[in-house]
Amino acid sequence: MAKTKKKLKVSDIKKNNNTEVISTIDRIKRHEREYLLVTALIFMVIIAAIGYSLLGVKEDVKSNSYDSDIMGTSEVITLNEESIVDNNAAGLLLDKNSFTITNSGKGEHKFKVFIISDQAMIDLDGCGDRLANDDSIYFRVNNGDIKSLNEVVTEDGYLILEDSIKKESKDYDLYIWILRDKLHDFDRNHFHGNIMIEEIEEE
C-alpha cells in the first residue's frame, strides 16, 4: 500500500517562516547585547585612560612647583663631644651630612637652605641645658667658605646656602663641627638641627 504524502499547508509555511524570523531576531538581540557589552567595556577603558591621563597631568602640574628632596646620612644633624675638634682642618675630616635638592618642574628656581634647631630631638636627648654656643659651631657646604653659625643667623634659622636650580638635581655636602677654643663652656657641647629648604619668591 502506497504511503500517503503529507501535504504542506500554507499555515505550515507561515509557521516555519515565523520560527526562522524569531530565531533570527533572537540572534540579532544576542549579538546586540554582545556588542553593547563590548562597547561599554571599550568606553570604560577609554574613560579610565582619560582619567589616568588627567591625574598624571595634575600630578605633573603639582611637580612644576619647587620640589626638594632631602637625602643623606641623616635628616637630623647631631653634634656632641665627638664633634669637638682643635681646628677647622680636623672638622673637615669628620663625617659629612649629604643632601640632594631636586627641581622636578619647569624653569629655574632660586632657594635658600637653612639649619634649624630640632627641638623634638633636643627634648628626646634631654640636652636643652647642654647646647653649644652657636659661635663655636663651624660649617662649610661643598667647597664654600668656612663660617660659624653665629655669622649666618637669621630669624628663619641659620642660612648656610643660597643657590638656584633648573630641572635637575644638585648634591651638597655639609661639613659641621665644634671648635674647642670657641666653646664658652666645655660641658655645653650639643647641637641638634634639621635642614630646611625655602624657595625664593620672585618679586
Foldseek 3Di string as FASTA:
>chain_A
DDDDDDDDDPVNVVVVVVVVVVVVVVVVVVVVVVVVVVVVVVVVVVVVVVVVVVVVVVVQVVLQPFDFDFDFPDQKDKWFPVQEDADVVVLVVDDWGKTKTARQHADKWKKWKFKAADVVVCVVVVQPVQAWDQQQKWKAKDPHDIHTQVVQQDPVHRTHDIDMDGRGMDMIIMGMGGHPVPTPDNSNIITIIGMDMGIDDDD
